[in-house]
Amino acid sequence: MQTLTEYLPLYGKWTKENNSIVFTSVAGEQNNGLALFGYDLEDGEIEAEINLSGYPEDNPASAMIVFRANGQRRFYAAGVGGLGNAYSLQEGDDQLPPTGLAWAGSSANIEPGRTYKVKIVLEGQKVDIYVDSIKVISYSNLPRQTGTSVGLFCSKATPKAIFSNIRVSSSKPKAFVAMQFSEPYNEVYRDAVEPLVQEIGFEPIRVDDVYGPGIIINDIINNLSEASIVLAEISEKNANVYYELGLAHAFGKPTLLMATKGTSLPFDVGAHRCIFYENTIAGRGKLQASLKHSLMSLLGRNIQS
């Protein structure tokens, strides 16, 4: 894991003390505290040791790890305290007070001066939050991310918070591929879709490649929840593919559709972005180029190449 030490304070008073980053409340300060690191993370793990010094009772104090931030405009944060809870997951921006997405425990159980080890695990829309190795929050409907920055957050009511041993590790974001398990679609997957997805830094997930003993519907739901993007080949009116596509839309996943030229799309998906291709060597090459361009546009940022 990589240790983060260099940060940019945006709001609030942030200082370095030894190997720690410290937030201190300032009388009359109207903004919550926000600081960002020069590190981008989409999927992976973030951990830190957090100490709330002099935590006041019945006070919305909080000390949190920020992730998937788009500068100060929009971010998510999880950690100790927040909205009267012991631990919480919040969505925030620079204009409105943070909104609670999930929480656990009572703030009365927070011990001032105790160091809590907080770890956040991100996979697509799924986020798990651990405190002292215990999972306290599991949330599977994280809104679509608007950024990849990592940082720290404290409410303005927090007297003092100390962050130590802040570390991150990245994992490849997942691309869920919904398509029929037969030729010629297996060939399209092997020759065009899979290598392109890997080239841009994503891990391709197709249900027939990963499921094992158990209920396959749970595999589909879990993999869709953890995916950052969905690609669906809808040339055939395959019920399984349309079921997976419906789940992707219900989860609010960024989705790209593919179909062979001449395919007539159902009305319900006709308004969505669809790449039409020819299943030839030249056509599969053009499909890769179109997929890469469309993914950049859909995700709203440059992607690894």
C-alpha atoms as a PDB file:
ATOM      1  CA  MET A   1       0.000   0.000   0.000  1.00  0.00           C
ATOM      2  CA  GLN A   2       1.097   3.590  -0.634  1.00  0.00           C
ATOM      3  CA  THR A   3       1.310   6.049   2.261  1.00  0.00           C
ATOM      4  CA  LEU A   4      -0.204   9.508   1.700  1.00  0.00           C
ATOM      5  CA  THR A   5       1.428  12.475   3.405  1.00  0.00           C
ATOM      6  CA  GLU A   6       1.212  15.464   1.049  1.00  0.00           C
ATOM      7  CA  TYR A   7      -2.161  17.195   0.995  1.00  0.00           C
ATOM      8  CA  LEU A   8      -3.859  20.410  -0.106  1.00  0.00           C
ATOM      9  CA  PRO A   9      -6.153  22.075   2.483  1.00  0.00           C
ATOM     10  CA  LEU A  10      -9.283  23.566   0.906  1.00  0.00           C
ATOM     11  CA  TYR A  11     -11.345  24.467   3.972  1.00  0.00           C
ATOM     12  CA  GLY A  12     -10.574  24.529   7.686  1.00  0.00           C
ATOM     13  CA  LYS A  13      -7.282  24.535   9.584  1.00  0.00           C
ATOM     14  CA  TRP A  14      -5.029  21.580   8.735  1.00  0.00           C
ATOM     15  CA  THR A  15      -1.490  21.121  10.032  1.00  0.00           C
ATOM     16  CA  LYS A  16       1.204  18.451  10.153  1.00  0.00           C
ATOM     17  CA  GLU A  17       2.317  17.175  13.548  1.00  0.00           C
ATOM     18  CA  ASN A  18       5.091  14.601  13.411  1.00  0.00           C
ATOM     19  CA  ASN A  19       3.766  11.998  10.944  1.00  0.00           C
ATOM     20  CA  SER A  20       0.093  12.922  11.387  1.00  0.00           C
ATOM     21  CA  ILE A  21      -2.324  15.339   9.723  1.00  0.00           C
ATOM     22  CA  VAL A  22      -4.351  17.339  12.226  1.00  0.00           C
ATOM     23  CA  PHE A  23      -7.615  19.235  11.848  1.00  0.00           C
ATOM     24  CA  THR A  24      -8.380  21.915  14.454  1.00  0.00           C
ATOM     25  CA  SER A  25     -11.653  23.803  14.769  1.00  0.00           C
ATOM     26  CA  VAL A  26     -11.410  27.585  14.459  1.00  0.00           C
ATOM     27  CA  ALA A  27     -13.912  29.863  16.206  1.00  0.00           C
ATOM     28  CA  GLY A  28     -16.278  31.462  13.716  1.00  0.00           C
ATOM     29  CA  GLU A  29     -15.363  29.107  10.860  1.00  0.00           C
ATOM     30  CA  GLN A  30     -18.414  28.624   8.628  1.00  0.00           C
ATOM     31  CA  ASN A  31     -17.117  25.764   6.493  1.00  0.00           C
ATOM     32  CA  ASN A  32     -16.460  22.127   7.245  1.00  0.00           C
ATOM     33  CA  GLY A  33     -12.855  20.980   6.925  1.00  0.00           C
ATOM     34  CA  LEU A  34     -11.771  19.446   3.610  1.00  0.00           C
ATOM     35  CA  ALA A  35      -8.304  18.455   2.396  1.00  0.00           C
ATOM     36  CA  LEU A  36      -7.338  16.460  -0.703  1.00  0.00           C
ATOM     37  CA  PHE A  37      -4.336  14.328  -1.633  1.00  0.00           C
ATOM     38  CA  GLY A  38      -2.701  14.120  -5.043  1.00  0.00           C
ATOM     39  CA  TYR A  39      -3.843  10.533  -5.557  1.00  0.00           C
ATOM     40  CA  ASP A  40      -6.627   9.102  -7.696  1.00  0.00           C
ATOM     41  CA  LEU A  41      -8.518   5.960  -6.748  1.00  0.00           C
ATOM     42  CA  GLU A  42     -11.602   4.424  -8.311  1.00  0.00           C
ATOM     43  CA  ASP A  43     -11.616   0.921  -6.826  1.00  0.00           C
ATOM     44  CA  GLY A  44      -9.401  -0.346  -4.024  1.00  0.00           C
ATOM     45  CA  GLU A  45      -8.767   0.235  -0.324  1.00  0.00           C
ATOM     46  CA  ILE A  46      -8.130   3.297   1.840  1.00  0.00           C
ATOM     47  CA  GLU A  47      -7.222   3.095   5.515  1.00  0.00           C
ATOM     48  CA  ALA A  48      -6.256   5.486   8.278  1.00  0.00           C
ATOM     49  CA  GLU A  49      -5.935   5.731  12.034  1.00  0.00           C
ATOM     50  CA  ILE A  50      -8.336   8.383  13.348  1.00  0.00           C
ATOM     51  CA  ASN A  51      -8.319   9.998  16.778  1.00  0.00           C
ATOM     52  CA  LEU A  52     -11.043  12.424  17.829  1.00  0.00           C
ATOM     53  CA  SER A  53      -9.634  14.446  20.702  1.00  0.00           C
ATOM     54  CA  GLY A  54     -12.184  15.873  23.142  1.00  0.00           C
ATOM     55  CA  TYR A  55     -15.281  14.564  21.343  1.00  0.00           C
ATOM     56  CA  PRO A  56     -18.263  16.571  22.676  1.00  0.00           C
ATOM     57  CA  GLU A  57     -21.475  14.770  23.601  1.00  0.00           C
ATOM     58  CA  ASP A  58     -24.569  15.420  21.456  1.00  0.00           C
ATOM     59  CA  ASN A  59     -22.397  17.077  18.835  1.00  0.00           C
ATOM     60  CA  PRO A  60     -22.227  16.273  15.099  1.00  0.00           C
ATOM     61  CA  ALA A  61     -18.418  16.076  15.146  1.00  0.00           C
ATOM     62  CA  SER A  62     -16.816  13.782  12.585  1.00  0.00           C
ATOM     63  CA  ALA A  63     -13.447  12.722  11.178  1.00  0.00           C
ATOM     64  CA  MET A  64     -13.666  10.934   7.844  1.00  0.00           C
ATOM     65  CA  ILE A  65     -11.813   9.602   4.832  1.00  0.00           C
ATOM     66  CA  VAL A  66     -12.893  11.201   1.530  1.00  0.00           C
ATOM     67  CA  PHE A  67     -13.109   9.157  -1.670  1.00  0.00           C
ATOM     68  CA  ARG A  68     -14.302   9.599  -5.253  1.00  0.00           C
ATOM     69  CA  ALA A  69     -14.148  13.348  -4.903  1.00  0.00           C
ATOM     70  CA  ASN A  70     -14.548  15.746  -7.785  1.00  0.00           C
ATOM     71  CA  GLY A  71     -12.525  18.491  -6.173  1.00  0.00           C
ATOM     72  CA  GLN A  72     -14.744  20.208  -3.616  1.00  0.00           C
ATOM     73  CA  ARG A  73     -17.839  19.990  -5.790  1.00  0.00           C
ATOM     74  CA  ARG A  74     -18.893  16.483  -4.804  1.00  0.00           C
ATOM     75  CA  PHE A  75     -17.405  13.763  -2.650  1.00  0.00           C
ATOM     76  CA  TYR A  76     -18.163  10.780  -0.449  1.00  0.00           C
ATOM     77  CA  ALA A  77     -16.774  10.333   3.045  1.00  0.00           C
ATOM     78  CA  ALA A  78     -16.815   7.616   5.689  1.00  0.00           C
ATOM     79  CA  GLY A  79     -15.355   7.297   9.152  1.00  0.00           C
ATOM     80  CA  VAL A  80     -15.913   8.159  12.801  1.00  0.00           C
ATOM     81  CA  GLY A  81     -18.858  10.300  13.915  1.00  0.00           C
ATOM     82  CA  GLY A  82     -21.214  12.276  11.733  1.00  0.00           C
ATOM     83  CA  LEU A  83     -24.879  13.188  12.058  1.00  0.00           C
ATOM     84  CA  GLY A  84     -25.103  11.932  15.634  1.00  0.00           C
ATOM     85  CA  ASN A  85     -23.788   8.444  14.835  1.00  0.00           C
ATOM     86  CA  ALA A  86     -20.698   6.506  15.845  1.00  0.00           C
ATOM     87  CA  TYR A  87     -19.811   5.708  12.225  1.00  0.00           C
ATOM     88  CA  SER A  88     -21.316   6.972   9.005  1.00  0.00           C
ATOM     89  CA  LEU A  89     -21.150   7.169   5.217  1.00  0.00           C
ATOM     90  CA  GLN A  90     -21.972  10.580   3.777  1.00  0.00           C
ATOM     91  CA  GLU A  91     -22.279  12.414   0.490  1.00  0.00           C
ATOM     92  CA  GLY A  92     -21.123  16.027   0.495  1.00  0.00           C
ATOM     93  CA  ASP A  93     -20.431  19.043  -1.687  1.00  0.00           C
ATOM     94  CA  ASP A  94     -19.231  22.589  -1.266  1.00  0.00           C
ATOM     95  CA  GLN A  95     -22.700  24.120  -1.077  1.00  0.00           C
ATOM     96  CA  LEU A  96     -24.833  21.857   1.119  1.00  0.00           C
ATOM     97  CA  PRO A  97     -24.417  20.078   4.474  1.00  0.00           C
ATOM     98  CA  PRO A  98     -23.422  16.404   4.094  1.00  0.00           C
ATOM     99  CA  THR A  99     -26.215  13.908   3.466  1.00  0.00           C
ATOM    100  CA  GLY A 100     -26.199  10.626   5.377  1.00  0.00           C
ATOM    101  CA  LEU A 101     -26.244   7.496   3.192  1.00  0.00           C
ATOM    102  CA  ALA A 102     -25.671   4.861   5.902  1.00  0.00           C
ATOM    103  CA  TRP A 103     -24.705   4.799   9.563  1.00  0.00           C
ATOM    104  CA  ALA A 104     -24.088   2.560  12.560  1.00  0.00           C
ATOM    105  CA  GLY A 105     -23.970   2.956  16.327  1.00  0.00           C
ATOM    106  CA  SER A 106     -24.547   5.856  18.679  1.00  0.00           C
ATOM    107  CA  SER A 107     -22.153   8.765  19.028  1.00  0.00           C
ATOM    108  CA  ALA A 108     -22.318   8.192  22.800  1.00  0.00           C
ATOM    109  CA  ASN A 109     -20.006   5.204  22.244  1.00  0.00           C
ATOM    110  CA  ILE A 110     -17.185   7.242  20.727  1.00  0.00           C
ATOM    111  CA  GLU A 111     -14.277   7.435  23.166  1.00  0.00           C
ATOM    112  CA  PRO A 112     -12.386  10.759  23.097  1.00  0.00           C
ATOM    113  CA  GLY A 113      -8.675  10.182  22.667  1.00  0.00           C
ATOM    114  CA  ARG A 114      -9.066   6.627  21.344  1.00  0.00           C
ATOM    115  CA  THR A 115      -7.456   5.768  18.015  1.00  0.00           C
ATOM    116  CA  TYR A 116      -9.797   3.999  15.583  1.00  0.00           C
ATOM    117  CA  LYS A 117      -8.475   2.057  12.594  1.00  0.00           C
ATOM    118  CA  VAL A 118     -10.808   2.788   9.670  1.00  0.00           C
ATOM    119  CA  LYS A 119     -10.681   0.949   6.343  1.00  0.00           C
ATOM    120  CA  ILE A 120     -12.801   1.580   3.236  1.00  0.00           C
ATOM    121  CA  VAL A 121     -13.103  -1.043   0.487  1.00  0.00           C
ATOM    122  CA  LEU A 122     -14.476   0.183  -2.861  1.00  0.00           C
ATOM    123  CA  GLU A 123     -15.795  -2.005  -5.681  1.00  0.00           C
ATOM    124  CA  GLY A 124     -18.012  -0.219  -8.188  1.00  0.00           C
ATOM    125  CA  GLN A 125     -21.149   0.928  -6.379  1.00  0.00           C
ATOM    126  CA  LYS A 126     -20.345  -1.225  -3.360  1.00  0.00           C
ATOM    127  CA  VAL A 127     -18.493   0.169  -0.353  1.00  0.00           C
ATOM    128  CA  ASP A 128     -17.642  -1.664   2.867  1.00  0.00           C
ATOM    129  CA  ILE A 129     -16.464   0.250   5.939  1.00  0.00           C
ATOM    130  CA  TYR A 130     -14.465  -1.413   8.704  1.00  0.00           C
ATOM    131  CA  VAL A 131     -13.572  -0.012  12.112  1.00  0.00           C
ATOM    132  CA  ASP A 132     -10.952  -1.916  14.106  1.00  0.00           C
ATOM    133  CA  SER A 133     -11.345  -4.850  11.656  1.00  0.00           C
ATOM    134  CA  ILE A 134     -15.138  -5.034  12.201  1.00  0.00           C
ATOM    135  CA  LYS A 135     -17.437  -4.325   9.254  1.00  0.00           C
ATOM    136  CA  VAL A 136     -19.822  -1.618  10.483  1.00  0.00           C
ATOM    137  CA  ILE A 137     -21.364  -0.491   7.182  1.00  0.00           C
ATOM    138  CA  SER A 138     -21.954  -2.249   3.861  1.00  0.00           C
ATOM    139  CA  TYR A 139     -23.619  -0.124   1.207  1.00  0.00           C
ATOM    140  CA  SER A 140     -24.390  -1.438  -2.279  1.00  0.00           C
ATOM    141  CA  ASN A 141     -25.971   1.542  -3.997  1.00  0.00           C
ATOM    142  CA  LEU A 142     -23.289   4.186  -4.005  1.00  0.00           C
ATOM    143  CA  PRO A 143     -24.308   6.903  -6.470  1.00  0.00           C
ATOM    144  CA  ARG A 144     -22.360   7.029  -9.706  1.00  0.00           C
ATOM    145  CA  GLN A 145     -18.976   8.549  -8.978  1.00  0.00           C
ATOM    146  CA  THR A 146     -18.042  11.932 -10.341  1.00  0.00           C
ATOM    147  CA  GLY A 147     -14.362  11.872  -9.429  1.00  0.00           C
ATOM    148  CA  THR A 148     -11.482   9.778  -8.153  1.00  0.00           C
ATOM    149  CA  SER A 149      -9.713  12.013  -5.606  1.00  0.00           C
ATOM    150  CA  VAL A 150      -8.915  10.930  -2.041  1.00  0.00           C
ATOM    151  CA  GLY A 151      -8.871  13.215   0.999  1.00  0.00           C
ATOM    152  CA  LEU A 152      -9.958  13.991   4.554  1.00  0.00           C
ATOM    153  CA  PHE A 153     -13.100  15.603   5.961  1.00  0.00           C
ATOM    154  CA  CYS A 154     -14.079  16.995   9.367  1.00  0.00           C
ATOM    155  CA  SER A 155     -17.264  18.783  10.342  1.00  0.00           C
ATOM    156  CA  LYS A 156     -16.762  22.318  11.627  1.00  0.00           C
ATOM    157  CA  ALA A 157     -18.083  21.132  15.021  1.00  0.00           C
ATOM    158  CA  THR A 158     -15.041  18.866  15.475  1.00  0.00           C
ATOM    159  CA  PRO A 159     -12.661  20.347  18.108  1.00  0.00           C
ATOM    160  CA  LYS A 160      -9.645  18.335  16.964  1.00  0.00           C
ATOM    161  CA  ALA A 161      -9.023  15.252  14.829  1.00  0.00           C
ATOM    162  CA  ILE A 162      -5.745  13.449  14.178  1.00  0.00           C
ATOM    163  CA  PHE A 163      -5.223  11.297  11.050  1.00  0.00           C
ATOM    164  CA  SER A 164      -2.248   8.930  10.946  1.00  0.00           C
ATOM    165  CA  ASN A 165      -0.930   6.132   8.714  1.00  0.00           C
ATOM    166  CA  ILE A 166      -3.125   7.072   5.742  1.00  0.00           C
ATOM    167  CA  ARG A 167      -2.586   4.402   3.101  1.00  0.00           C
ATOM    168  CA  VAL A 168      -4.179   3.416  -0.201  1.00  0.00           C
ATOM    169  CA  SER A 169      -4.037   0.548  -2.674  1.00  0.00           C
ATOM    170  CA  SER A 170      -5.722   0.436  -6.071  1.00  0.00           C
ATOM    171  CA  SER A 171      -7.491  -2.450  -7.759  1.00  0.00           C
ATOM    172  CA  LYS A 172      -8.739  -2.656 -11.319  1.00  0.00           C
ATOM    173  CA  PRO A 173     -12.307  -1.394 -11.781  1.00  0.00           C
ATOM    174  CA  LYS A 174     -14.633  -4.026 -13.209  1.00  0.00           C
ATOM    175  CA  ALA A 175     -16.541  -4.002 -16.484  1.00  0.00           C
ATOM    176  CA  PHE A 176     -19.550  -6.333 -16.502  1.00  0.00           C
ATOM    177  CA  VAL A 177     -20.193  -7.814 -19.956  1.00  0.00           C
ATOM    178  CA  ALA A 178     -23.713  -9.105 -20.705  1.00  0.00           C
ATOM    179  CA  MET A 179     -23.888 -11.188 -23.863  1.00  0.00           C
ATOM    180  CA  GLN A 180     -25.041 -14.515 -25.219  1.00  0.00           C
ATOM    181  CA  PHE A 181     -22.749 -17.485 -24.466  1.00  0.00           C
ATOM    182  CA  SER A 182     -22.445 -18.889 -27.980  1.00  0.00           C
ATOM    183  CA  GLU A 183     -20.778 -18.227 -31.300  1.00  0.00           C
ATOM    184  CA  PRO A 184     -20.353 -15.816 -32.971  1.00  0.00           C
ATOM    185  CA  TYR A 185     -20.671 -13.710 -29.799  1.00  0.00           C
ATOM    186  CA  ASN A 186     -17.933 -15.611 -27.961  1.00  0.00           C
ATOM    187  CA  GLU A 187     -15.630 -14.655 -30.834  1.00  0.00           C
ATOM    188  CA  VAL A 188     -16.651 -10.989 -30.562  1.00  0.00           C
ATOM    189  CA  TYR A 189     -15.907 -11.120 -26.831  1.00  0.00           C
ATOM    190  CA  ARG A 190     -12.508 -12.823 -27.228  1.00  0.00           C
ATOM    191  CA  ASP A 191     -11.304 -10.772 -30.202  1.00  0.00           C
ATOM    192  CA  ALA A 192     -12.735  -7.322 -29.484  1.00  0.00           C
ATOM    193  CA  VAL A 193     -14.440  -6.714 -26.149  1.00  0.00           C
ATOM    194  CA  GLU A 194     -12.145  -8.519 -23.689  1.00  0.00           C
ATOM    195  CA  PRO A 195      -8.807  -7.157 -25.011  1.00  0.00           C
ATOM    196  CA  LEU A 196     -10.188  -3.607 -25.226  1.00  0.00           C
ATOM    197  CA  VAL A 197     -11.538  -3.703 -21.668  1.00  0.00           C
ATOM    198  CA  GLN A 198      -8.172  -4.980 -20.422  1.00  0.00           C
ATOM    199  CA  GLU A 199      -6.275  -2.372 -22.449  1.00  0.00           C
ATOM    200  CA  ILE A 200      -8.075   0.519 -20.765  1.00  0.00           C
ATOM    201  CA  GLY A 201      -7.340  -0.845 -17.303  1.00  0.00           C
ATOM    202  CA  PHE A 202     -10.613  -2.597 -16.435  1.00  0.00           C
ATOM    203  CA  GLU A 203     -11.194  -6.216 -15.431  1.00  0.00           C
ATOM    204  CA  PRO A 204     -13.791  -7.840 -17.722  1.00  0.00           C
ATOM    205  CA  ILE A 205     -16.434  -9.890 -15.907  1.00  0.00           C
ATOM    206  CA  ARG A 206     -18.725 -12.268 -17.770  1.00  0.00           C
ATOM    207  CA  VAL A 207     -20.978 -14.487 -15.697  1.00  0.00           C
ATOM    208  CA  ASP A 208     -20.038 -17.714 -17.481  1.00  0.00           C
ATOM    209  CA  ASP A 209     -16.384 -17.052 -16.584  1.00  0.00           C
ATOM    210  CA  VAL A 210     -16.849 -16.571 -12.829  1.00  0.00           C
ATOM    211  CA  TYR A 211     -19.850 -18.345 -11.371  1.00  0.00           C
ATOM    212  CA  GLY A 212     -19.431 -21.459  -9.231  1.00  0.00           C
ATOM    213  CA  PRO A 213     -21.627 -23.537  -6.923  1.00  0.00           C
ATOM    214  CA  GLY A 214     -24.607 -21.646  -5.579  1.00  0.00           C
ATOM    215  CA  ILE A 215     -27.378 -19.495  -6.928  1.00  0.00           C
ATOM    216  CA  ILE A 216     -26.213 -17.849 -10.150  1.00  0.00           C
ATOM    217  CA  ILE A 217     -28.600 -14.899  -9.685  1.00  0.00           C
ATOM    218  CA  ASN A 218     -26.567 -13.866  -6.635  1.00  0.00           C
ATOM    219  CA  ASP A 219     -23.382 -13.960  -8.738  1.00  0.00           C
ATOM    220  CA  ILE A 220     -25.007 -11.688 -11.305  1.00  0.00           C
ATOM    221  CA  ILE A 221     -26.247  -9.186  -8.712  1.00  0.00           C
ATOM    222  CA  ASN A 222     -22.931  -9.101  -6.834  1.00  0.00           C
ATOM    223  CA  ASN A 223     -20.838  -8.672  -9.962  1.00  0.00           C
ATOM    224  CA  LEU A 224     -23.134  -5.977 -11.331  1.00  0.00           C
ATOM    225  CA  SER A 225     -23.024  -4.134  -8.009  1.00  0.00           C
ATOM    226  CA  GLU A 226     -19.225  -4.195  -8.022  1.00  0.00           C
ATOM    227  CA  ALA A 227     -18.891  -3.125 -11.666  1.00  0.00           C
ATOM    228  CA  SER A 228     -18.019   0.427 -12.720  1.00  0.00           C
ATOM    229  CA  ILE A 229     -19.346   0.028 -16.279  1.00  0.00           C
ATOM    230  CA  VAL A 230     -21.655  -2.385 -18.113  1.00  0.00           C
ATOM    231  CA  LEU A 231     -21.361  -3.480 -21.753  1.00  0.00           C
ATOM    232  CA  ALA A 232     -24.310  -5.385 -23.246  1.00  0.00           C
ATOM    233  CA  GLU A 233     -24.481  -7.157 -26.608  1.00  0.00           C
ATOM    234  CA  ILE A 234     -28.177  -7.197 -27.568  1.00  0.00           C
ATOM    235  CA  SER A 235     -28.269  -8.508 -31.135  1.00  0.00           C
ATOM    236  CA  GLU A 236     -30.283 -11.518 -29.976  1.00  0.00           C
ATOM    237  CA  LYS A 237     -33.450 -11.201 -27.927  1.00  0.00           C
ATOM    238  CA  ASN A 238     -31.784 -13.171 -25.136  1.00  0.00           C
ATOM    239  CA  ALA A 239     -33.787 -13.092 -21.892  1.00  0.00           C
ATOM    240  CA  ASN A 240     -30.711 -13.430 -19.677  1.00  0.00           C
ATOM    241  CA  VAL A 241     -28.940 -10.528 -21.360  1.00  0.00           C
ATOM    242  CA  TYR A 242     -32.012  -8.304 -21.066  1.00  0.00           C
ATOM    243  CA  TYR A 243     -32.399  -9.289 -17.407  1.00  0.00           C
ATOM    244  CA  GLU A 244     -28.806  -8.246 -16.715  1.00  0.00           C
ATOM    245  CA  LEU A 245     -29.344  -5.039 -18.706  1.00  0.00           C
ATOM    246  CA  GLY A 246     -32.452  -4.267 -16.636  1.00  0.00           C
ATOM    247  CA  LEU A 247     -30.493  -4.770 -13.411  1.00  0.00           C
ATOM    248  CA  ALA A 248     -27.755  -2.487 -14.716  1.00  0.00           C
ATOM    249  CA  HIS A 249     -30.281   0.271 -15.365  1.00  0.00           C
ATOM    250  CA  ALA A 250     -31.857  -0.277 -11.929  1.00  0.00           C
ATOM    251  CA  PHE A 251     -28.416   0.079 -10.331  1.00  0.00           C
ATOM    252  CA  GLY A 252     -27.834   3.249 -12.339  1.00  0.00           C
ATOM    253  CA  LYS A 253     -24.763   1.812 -14.054  1.00  0.00           C
ATOM    254  CA  PRO A 254     -23.092   3.610 -16.959  1.00  0.00           C
ATOM    255  CA  THR A 255     -24.058   1.270 -19.815  1.00  0.00           C
ATOM    256  CA  LEU A 256     -22.957   0.801 -23.423  1.00  0.00           C
ATOM    257  CA  LEU A 257     -25.002  -1.279 -25.849  1.00  0.00           C
ATOM    258  CA  MET A 258     -23.617  -3.215 -28.823  1.00  0.00           C
ATOM    259  CA  ALA A 259     -25.461  -4.901 -31.693  1.00  0.00           C
ATOM    260  CA  THR A 260     -24.698  -6.159 -35.165  1.00  0.00           C
ATOM    261  CA  LYS A 261     -25.686  -3.860 -38.007  1.00  0.00           C
ATOM    262  CA  GLY A 262     -29.307  -4.334 -39.012  1.00  0.00           C
ATOM    263  CA  THR A 263     -30.496  -5.217 -35.486  1.00  0.00           C
ATOM    264  CA  SER A 264     -33.875  -3.717 -34.644  1.00  0.00           C
ATOM    265  CA  LEU A 265     -33.774  -2.433 -31.073  1.00  0.00           C
ATOM    266  CA  PRO A 266     -36.778  -2.694 -28.728  1.00  0.00           C
ATOM    267  CA  PHE A 267     -38.477   0.596 -27.941  1.00  0.00           C
ATOM    268  CA  ASP A 268     -37.345   0.595 -24.289  1.00  0.00           C
ATOM    269  CA  VAL A 269     -33.652   0.646 -25.215  1.00  0.00           C
ATOM    270  CA  GLY A 270     -33.876   2.474 -28.518  1.00  0.00           C
ATOM    271  CA  ALA A 271     -32.998   5.819 -26.929  1.00  0.00           C
ATOM    272  CA  HIS A 272     -29.800   4.493 -25.324  1.00  0.00           C
ATOM    273  CA  ARG A 273     -26.318   4.722 -26.809  1.00  0.00           C
ATOM    274  CA  CYS A 274     -25.685   1.692 -29.029  1.00  0.00           C
ATOM    275  CA  ILE A 275     -22.666   0.784 -31.139  1.00  0.00           C
ATOM    276  CA  PHE A 276     -23.599  -1.081 -34.328  1.00  0.00           C
ATOM    277  CA  TYR A 277     -20.839  -3.236 -35.789  1.00  0.00           C
ATOM    278  CA  GLU A 278     -20.061  -5.813 -38.456  1.00  0.00           C
ATOM    279  CA  ASN A 279     -18.825  -9.185 -37.207  1.00  0.00           C
ATOM    280  CA  THR A 280     -15.767  -9.294 -39.445  1.00  0.00           C
ATOM    281  CA  ILE A 281     -12.076  -8.831 -38.700  1.00  0.00           C
ATOM    282  CA  ALA A 282     -12.254  -5.213 -39.854  1.00  0.00           C
ATOM    283  CA  GLY A 283     -15.601  -4.713 -38.114  1.00  0.00           C
ATOM    284  CA  ARG A 284     -14.287  -5.960 -34.774  1.00  0.00           C
ATOM    285  CA  GLY A 285     -11.379  -3.511 -35.042  1.00  0.00           C
ATOM    286  CA  LYS A 286     -13.809  -0.645 -35.591  1.00  0.00           C
ATOM    287  CA  LEU A 287     -15.883  -1.939 -32.661  1.00  0.00           C
ATOM    288  CA  GLN A 288     -12.852  -1.638 -30.364  1.00  0.00           C
ATOM    289  CA  ALA A 289     -12.206   1.956 -31.452  1.00  0.00           C
ATOM    290  CA  SER A 290     -15.869   2.890 -30.970  1.00  0.00           C
ATOM    291  CA  LEU A 291     -15.989   1.239 -27.554  1.00  0.00           C
ATOM    292  CA  LYS A 292     -12.909   3.116 -26.362  1.00  0.00           C
ATOM    293  CA  HIS A 293     -14.236   6.486 -27.539  1.00  0.00           C
ATOM    294  CA  SER A 294     -17.684   5.831 -26.040  1.00  0.00           C
ATOM    295  CA  LEU A 295     -16.255   4.718 -22.687  1.00  0.00           C
ATOM    296  CA  MET A 296     -14.241   7.932 -22.413  1.00  0.00           C
ATOM    297  CA  SER A 297     -17.371   9.947 -23.133  1.00  0.00           C
ATOM    298  CA  LEU A 298     -19.626   7.919 -20.836  1.00  0.00           C
ATOM    299  CA  LEU A 299     -17.269   7.992 -17.853  1.00  0.00           C
ATOM    300  CA  GLY A 300     -16.598  11.678 -18.350  1.00  0.00           C
ATOM    301  CA  ARG A 301     -12.825  11.429 -18.060  1.00  0.00           C
ATOM    302  CA  ASN A 302      -9.749  10.026 -19.745  1.00  0.00           C
ATOM    303  CA  ILE A 303      -9.144   6.340 -19.222  1.00  0.00           C
ATOM    304  CA  GLN A 304      -5.947   4.374 -19.057  1.00  0.00           C
ATOM    305  CA  SER A 305      -4.536   3.197 -22.361  1.00  0.00           C
END
